[in-house]
């Protein structure tokens, strides 16, 4: 008698576990079947142009469907309906889900490109319509003008932003870049230099501004200034390969070959396809007596230059 209750309890728990497992297994198929039916309904509604009815059905049912092709079709349809109804949340959620589930699917990559481009265009139009005089609208307009090569108009817009808010980071940098982008006869290097220096007063951590100041000093053969700016840029951004290359170049030009080796080694590691880095490193190695290392880098420079030339010829096509 004393052992009856524990045995009964054990049997009951075992029976309950078996029943629960059987119920879970039996109920999984109806859930999947219901989801598939819902997705089919949503797809049919979308094909009939009834996206407003289809979208909530698809958003709810798609994650529960097991059939890969049905999930893909439903996900793509969800994106299209979301775009049609201008429902950004539904569109972005579906795009993120599709790129997680079908990251290598060409149709997913294609629709992602167009969808995000469309979302960006709509957001830009909304900004222009709701706050046309805001600094954000002016900055967006300036960026568009830059893409069109309208450098003076772009600079005027960036200056308008600075009039509204003089300490806005990035504006002086963009003005300086616009000045340098104009044809050589039209740009003024000193004016650009002043803009980059003004940018650093607002944002001392702007590695891009430091780098361009270094480039301007390098072009003027002002090696000490170039070394200073390139060094700051490389410290601000440890992944800035061109800053390390510029620093090594300037150190070589100053006959500081031993000091040039570490930044140049970093540069060629980050950009092994860049022949200039290998060339400068070969010079530095040679001048400190590391002849074998110099020969190796010279060979790597030759191979990198040949690959670039082959790619150029391939892109230009066969000779006419």
Protein backbone atom coordinates (compact mmCIF):
# COMPACT_ATOMS: atom_id res chain seq x y z
CA UNK A 1 0.00 0.00 0.00
CA UNK A 2 2.73 2.57 0.80
CA UNK A 3 4.20 2.17 -2.73
CA UNK A 4 0.90 2.57 -4.56
CA UNK A 5 0.77 6.37 -4.78
CA UNK A 6 4.28 6.96 -6.14
CA UNK A 7 3.77 4.27 -8.78
CA UNK A 8 0.39 5.72 -9.71
CA UNK A 9 1.83 9.21 -9.95
CA UNK A 10 4.69 8.03 -12.14
CA UNK A 11 2.31 6.22 -14.49
CA UNK A 12 0.05 9.23 -14.68
CA UNK A 13 2.93 11.58 -15.54
CA UNK A 14 4.22 9.18 -18.18
CA UNK A 15 0.74 8.89 -19.69
CA UNK A 16 0.35 12.67 -19.68
CA UNK A 17 3.73 13.15 -21.43
CA UNK A 18 2.83 10.65 -24.16
CA UNK A 19 -0.56 12.25 -24.72
CA UNK A 20 0.99 15.73 -24.84
CA UNK A 21 3.59 14.64 -27.38
CA UNK A 22 0.95 12.97 -29.53
CA UNK A 23 -1.22 16.07 -29.35
CA UNK A 24 1.70 18.33 -30.33
CA UNK A 25 2.56 16.14 -33.28
CA UNK A 26 -1.03 15.88 -34.42
CA UNK A 27 -1.69 19.58 -34.02
CA UNK A 28 1.46 20.66 -35.94
CA UNK A 29 0.07 19.56 -39.28
CA UNK A 30 -3.24 21.42 -38.94
CA UNK A 31 -1.34 24.62 -37.99
CA UNK A 32 0.92 24.29 -41.05
CA UNK A 33 -2.07 23.39 -43.20
CA UNK A 34 -4.01 26.39 -41.89
CA UNK A 35 -1.02 28.66 -42.58
CA UNK A 36 -0.66 27.33 -46.13
CA UNK A 37 -4.37 27.87 -46.74
CA UNK A 38 -4.11 31.42 -45.39
CA UNK A 39 -1.09 32.16 -47.58
CA UNK A 40 -2.89 30.85 -50.66
CA UNK A 41 -5.80 33.09 -49.83
CA UNK A 42 -3.49 36.08 -49.36
CA UNK A 43 -1.75 35.40 -52.66
CA UNK A 44 -5.07 35.13 -54.47
CA UNK A 45 -6.25 38.43 -53.01
CA UNK A 46 -2.98 40.10 -54.03
CA UNK A 47 -3.29 38.77 -57.59
CA UNK A 48 -6.75 40.31 -57.72
CA UNK A 49 -5.30 43.66 -56.70
CA UNK A 50 -6.73 43.48 -53.17
CA UNK A 51 -3.47 44.13 -51.32
CA UNK A 52 -5.17 45.90 -48.44
CA UNK A 53 -6.93 42.64 -47.55
CA UNK A 54 -4.01 40.39 -48.49
CA UNK A 55 -1.24 42.11 -46.54
CA UNK A 56 -2.37 41.37 -42.96
CA UNK A 57 -3.07 37.74 -43.89
CA UNK A 58 0.35 37.26 -45.44
CA UNK A 59 2.23 38.98 -42.63
CA UNK A 60 0.65 36.68 -40.07
CA UNK A 61 0.76 33.38 -41.97
CA UNK A 62 4.04 33.45 -43.91
CA UNK A 63 6.39 32.65 -40.95
CA UNK A 64 4.38 29.49 -40.20
CA UNK A 65 4.60 28.01 -43.69
CA UNK A 66 7.09 25.18 -44.18
CA UNK A 67 7.12 25.02 -47.99
CA UNK A 68 10.15 27.05 -49.16
CA UNK A 69 8.78 28.09 -52.55
CA UNK A 70 5.49 29.20 -51.06
CA UNK A 71 7.32 31.19 -48.38
CA UNK A 72 9.48 32.88 -51.01
CA UNK A 73 6.53 33.79 -53.21
CA UNK A 74 4.51 35.03 -50.24
CA UNK A 75 7.44 37.09 -48.92
CA UNK A 76 7.98 38.78 -52.28
CA UNK A 77 4.25 39.48 -52.56
CA UNK A 78 4.27 40.97 -49.05
CA UNK A 79 7.00 43.40 -50.12
CA UNK A 80 5.13 44.42 -53.26
CA UNK A 81 1.87 44.96 -51.38
CA UNK A 82 3.68 46.90 -48.66
CA UNK A 83 5.17 49.19 -51.29
CA UNK A 84 1.85 49.60 -53.07
CA UNK A 85 0.11 50.59 -49.84
CA UNK A 86 3.08 52.73 -48.72
CA UNK A 87 3.38 50.70 -45.51
CA UNK A 88 7.05 51.06 -44.67
CA UNK A 89 6.93 48.82 -41.60
CA UNK A 90 5.46 45.89 -43.53
CA UNK A 91 7.86 46.38 -46.43
CA UNK A 92 11.03 46.60 -44.34
CA UNK A 93 10.03 43.71 -42.07
CA UNK A 94 9.38 41.48 -45.09
CA UNK A 95 12.66 42.51 -46.74
CA UNK A 96 14.68 41.72 -43.62
CA UNK A 97 12.93 38.36 -43.28
CA UNK A 98 13.50 37.50 -46.94
CA UNK A 99 17.19 38.38 -46.75
CA UNK A 100 17.55 36.20 -43.68
CA UNK A 101 15.71 33.19 -45.14
CA UNK A 102 16.80 33.53 -48.80
CA UNK A 103 20.05 35.49 -48.66
CA UNK A 104 21.41 34.11 -51.95
CA UNK A 105 18.17 34.21 -53.96
CA UNK A 106 18.59 36.55 -56.99
CA UNK A 107 14.95 37.67 -56.95
CA UNK A 108 15.25 38.64 -53.28
CA UNK A 109 18.41 40.66 -53.93
CA UNK A 110 16.78 42.32 -56.94
CA UNK A 111 13.62 43.34 -55.12
CA UNK A 112 15.64 44.47 -52.09
CA UNK A 113 17.64 46.86 -54.27
CA UNK A 114 14.56 48.41 -55.81
CA UNK A 115 12.50 48.44 -52.62
CA UNK A 116 15.07 50.30 -50.54
CA UNK A 117 15.68 52.71 -53.43
CA UNK A 118 11.94 53.35 -53.58
CA UNK A 119 11.73 53.83 -49.81
CA UNK A 120 14.60 56.32 -49.95
CA UNK A 121 12.92 58.26 -52.76
CA UNK A 122 9.62 58.43 -50.88
CA UNK A 123 11.31 59.57 -47.69
CA UNK A 124 13.20 62.28 -49.60
CA UNK A 125 9.97 63.52 -51.20
CA UNK A 126 8.22 63.57 -47.85
CA UNK A 127 11.10 65.55 -46.34
CA UNK A 128 10.99 68.03 -49.22
CA UNK A 129 7.22 68.45 -48.90
CA UNK A 130 6.96 68.66 -45.12
CA UNK A 131 10.13 70.59 -44.23
CA UNK A 132 11.61 72.14 -47.40
CA UNK A 133 13.64 74.75 -45.53
CA UNK A 134 15.11 72.43 -42.92
CA UNK A 135 18.82 71.76 -42.77
CA UNK A 136 18.12 68.09 -43.50
CA UNK A 137 16.24 68.95 -46.70
CA UNK A 138 19.00 71.33 -47.78
CA UNK A 139 21.68 68.74 -47.07
CA UNK A 140 19.81 66.08 -49.03
CA UNK A 141 19.42 68.49 -51.93
CA UNK A 142 23.12 69.33 -51.78
CA UNK A 143 24.04 65.65 -51.92
CA UNK A 144 21.85 65.25 -55.01
CA UNK A 145 23.55 68.24 -56.63
CA UNK A 146 26.95 66.69 -55.89
CA UNK A 147 25.90 63.53 -57.68
CA UNK A 148 25.03 65.68 -60.70
CA UNK A 149 28.43 67.38 -60.61
CA UNK A 150 26.89 70.74 -59.73
CA UNK A 151 29.61 71.65 -57.25
CA UNK A 152 28.89 75.37 -56.78
CA UNK A 153 25.16 74.78 -56.22
CA UNK A 154 25.96 71.98 -53.75
CA UNK A 155 28.38 74.20 -51.83
CA UNK A 156 25.73 76.94 -51.66
CA UNK A 157 23.28 74.50 -50.06
CA UNK A 158 25.86 73.33 -47.53
CA UNK A 159 26.63 76.96 -46.69
CA UNK A 160 22.90 77.55 -46.18
CA UNK A 161 22.92 74.72 -43.63
CA UNK A 162 25.83 76.35 -41.83
CA UNK A 163 23.92 79.65 -41.68
CA UNK A 164 21.09 77.84 -39.93
CA UNK A 165 23.40 75.89 -37.62
CA UNK A 166 27.09 76.88 -37.78
CA UNK A 167 28.34 73.90 -35.79
CA UNK A 168 26.77 71.20 -38.00
CA UNK A 169 29.44 68.52 -38.49
CA UNK A 170 30.33 67.42 -41.99
CA UNK A 171 29.32 70.60 -43.82
CA UNK A 172 32.75 72.22 -44.13
CA UNK A 173 34.14 68.83 -45.16
CA UNK A 174 31.58 68.53 -47.95
CA UNK A 175 32.19 72.10 -49.11
CA UNK A 176 35.91 71.44 -49.26
CA UNK A 177 35.30 68.24 -51.20
CA UNK A 178 33.04 70.12 -53.63
CA UNK A 179 35.76 72.72 -54.21
CA UNK A 180 38.33 70.03 -55.00
CA UNK A 181 35.91 68.21 -57.29
CA UNK A 182 35.70 71.12 -59.69
CA UNK A 183 38.04 71.22 -62.72
CA UNK A 184 41.63 72.14 -61.79
CA UNK A 185 41.32 75.59 -63.34
CA UNK A 186 38.25 76.34 -61.24
CA UNK A 187 39.14 74.90 -57.82
CA UNK A 188 41.14 76.75 -55.22
CA UNK A 189 43.24 74.47 -53.05
CA UNK A 190 43.68 77.05 -50.31
CA UNK A 191 39.93 77.61 -50.08
CA UNK A 192 39.45 73.86 -49.76
CA UNK A 193 42.17 73.64 -47.11
CA UNK A 194 40.39 76.29 -45.04
CA UNK A 195 37.16 74.30 -45.18
CA UNK A 196 38.82 71.10 -43.95
CA UNK A 197 40.55 73.00 -41.15
CA UNK A 198 37.20 74.55 -40.18
CA UNK A 199 35.68 71.06 -40.16
CA UNK A 200 38.28 69.81 -37.70
CA UNK A 201 37.44 72.66 -35.33
CA UNK A 202 33.85 71.36 -35.24
CA UNK A 203 34.69 67.67 -35.44
CA UNK A 204 38.29 66.92 -34.40
CA UNK A 205 37.70 63.20 -35.04
CA UNK A 206 37.01 63.59 -38.77
CA UNK A 207 39.62 61.23 -40.24
CA UNK A 208 38.58 62.14 -43.78
CA UNK A 209 39.40 65.81 -43.25
CA UNK A 210 42.79 64.93 -41.77
CA UNK A 211 43.52 62.63 -44.70
CA UNK A 212 42.67 65.20 -47.38
CA UNK A 213 44.78 67.83 -45.61
CA UNK A 214 47.58 65.28 -45.69
CA UNK A 215 47.06 64.74 -49.41
CA UNK A 216 47.11 68.48 -50.09
CA UNK A 217 50.37 68.80 -48.14
CA UNK A 218 51.83 65.77 -49.94
CA UNK A 219 51.03 67.30 -53.33
CA UNK A 220 52.75 70.49 -52.20
CA UNK A 221 55.71 68.41 -50.92
CA UNK A 222 55.16 69.78 -47.43
CA UNK A 223 56.28 66.51 -45.89
CA UNK A 224 56.13 67.38 -42.18
CA UNK A 225 52.56 68.62 -42.47
CA UNK A 226 51.62 65.59 -44.57
CA UNK A 227 53.11 63.19 -42.00
CA UNK A 228 51.23 64.96 -39.20
CA UNK A 229 47.84 64.79 -40.93
CA UNK A 230 48.24 61.22 -42.24
CA UNK A 231 49.35 60.07 -38.80
CA UNK A 232 46.27 61.64 -37.16
CA UNK A 233 43.96 60.13 -39.79
CA UNK A 234 45.40 56.63 -39.26
CA UNK A 235 44.99 56.93 -35.48
CA UNK A 236 41.42 58.19 -35.78
CA UNK A 237 40.47 55.35 -38.14
CA UNK A 238 42.63 52.19 -37.79
CA UNK A 239 40.93 50.75 -40.90
CA UNK A 240 41.83 53.71 -43.14
CA UNK A 241 44.25 51.98 -45.53
CA UNK A 242 44.92 55.08 -47.64
CA UNK A 243 45.94 57.02 -44.53
CA UNK A 244 48.61 54.41 -43.72
CA UNK A 245 49.76 54.41 -47.34
CA UNK A 246 49.96 58.22 -47.39
CA UNK A 247 51.91 58.20 -44.11
CA UNK A 248 54.41 55.66 -45.45
CA UNK A 249 54.76 57.60 -48.70
CA UNK A 250 55.48 60.86 -46.86
CA UNK A 251 57.96 59.18 -44.51
CA UNK A 252 59.79 57.65 -47.49
CA UNK A 253 59.90 61.07 -49.14
CA UNK A 254 61.46 62.43 -45.94
CA UNK A 255 64.08 59.64 -45.99
CA UNK A 256 62.61 58.20 -42.78
CA UNK A 257 62.58 54.71 -44.25
CA UNK A 258 62.60 52.67 -41.04
CA UNK A 259 59.59 54.64 -39.76
CA UNK A 260 57.80 54.15 -43.09
CA UNK A 261 57.85 50.35 -42.88
CA UNK A 262 55.16 49.76 -40.17
CA UNK A 263 52.42 51.91 -41.78
CA UNK A 264 53.24 50.54 -45.23
CA UNK A 265 53.05 46.95 -43.96
CA UNK A 266 49.60 47.75 -42.59
CA UNK A 267 48.59 49.34 -45.90
CA UNK A 268 49.60 46.36 -48.06
CA UNK A 269 47.92 43.97 -45.65
CA UNK A 270 44.65 45.88 -46.00
CA UNK A 271 45.07 46.55 -49.74
CA UNK A 272 47.18 43.72 -51.21
CA UNK A 273 45.85 44.53 -54.68
CA UNK A 274 47.26 48.08 -54.62
CA UNK A 275 50.64 48.17 -56.44
CA UNK A 276 51.57 51.56 -54.94
CA UNK A 277 51.74 50.13 -51.44
CA UNK A 278 54.05 47.31 -52.50
CA UNK A 279 56.21 49.76 -54.44
CA UNK A 280 56.64 52.12 -51.49
CA UNK A 281 57.31 49.22 -49.12
CA UNK A 282 59.94 47.82 -51.51
CA UNK A 283 61.69 51.21 -51.43
CA UNK A 284 61.64 51.31 -47.63
CA UNK A 285 62.90 47.73 -47.27
CA UNK A 286 65.67 48.33 -49.79
CA UNK A 287 66.88 51.50 -48.08
CA UNK A 288 67.18 49.78 -44.67
CA UNK A 289 69.06 46.83 -46.16
CA UNK A 290 66.25 44.24 -46.24
CA UNK A 291 67.03 43.19 -49.82
CA UNK A 292 65.03 39.92 -49.91
CA UNK A 293 61.93 41.64 -48.54
CA UNK A 294 62.41 44.41 -51.09
CA UNK A 295 62.57 41.88 -53.95
CA UNK A 296 59.41 40.19 -52.71
CA UNK A 297 57.49 43.45 -52.56
CA UNK A 298 58.77 44.47 -55.99
CA UNK A 299 57.43 41.22 -57.41
CA UNK A 300 54.08 41.71 -55.65
CA UNK A 301 53.95 45.24 -57.07
CA UNK A 302 54.54 43.90 -60.58
CA UNK A 303 51.85 41.20 -60.21
CA UNK A 304 49.30 43.68 -58.80
CA UNK A 305 49.97 46.13 -61.64
CA UNK A 306 49.56 43.33 -64.21
CA UNK A 307 46.20 42.31 -62.72
CA UNK A 308 44.97 45.89 -62.91
CA UNK A 309 46.06 46.16 -66.53
CA UNK A 310 44.39 42.85 -67.41
CA UNK A 311 41.16 43.99 -65.75
CA UNK A 312 41.33 47.30 -67.64
CA UNK A 313 41.80 45.55 -70.96
CA UNK A 314 38.99 43.12 -70.20
CA UNK A 315 36.65 45.99 -69.33
CA UNK A 316 37.51 47.92 -72.50
CA UNK A 317 36.90 44.86 -74.69
CA UNK A 318 38.90 43.59 -77.64
CA UNK A 319 40.68 46.15 -79.85
CA UNK A 320 38.63 47.41 -82.80
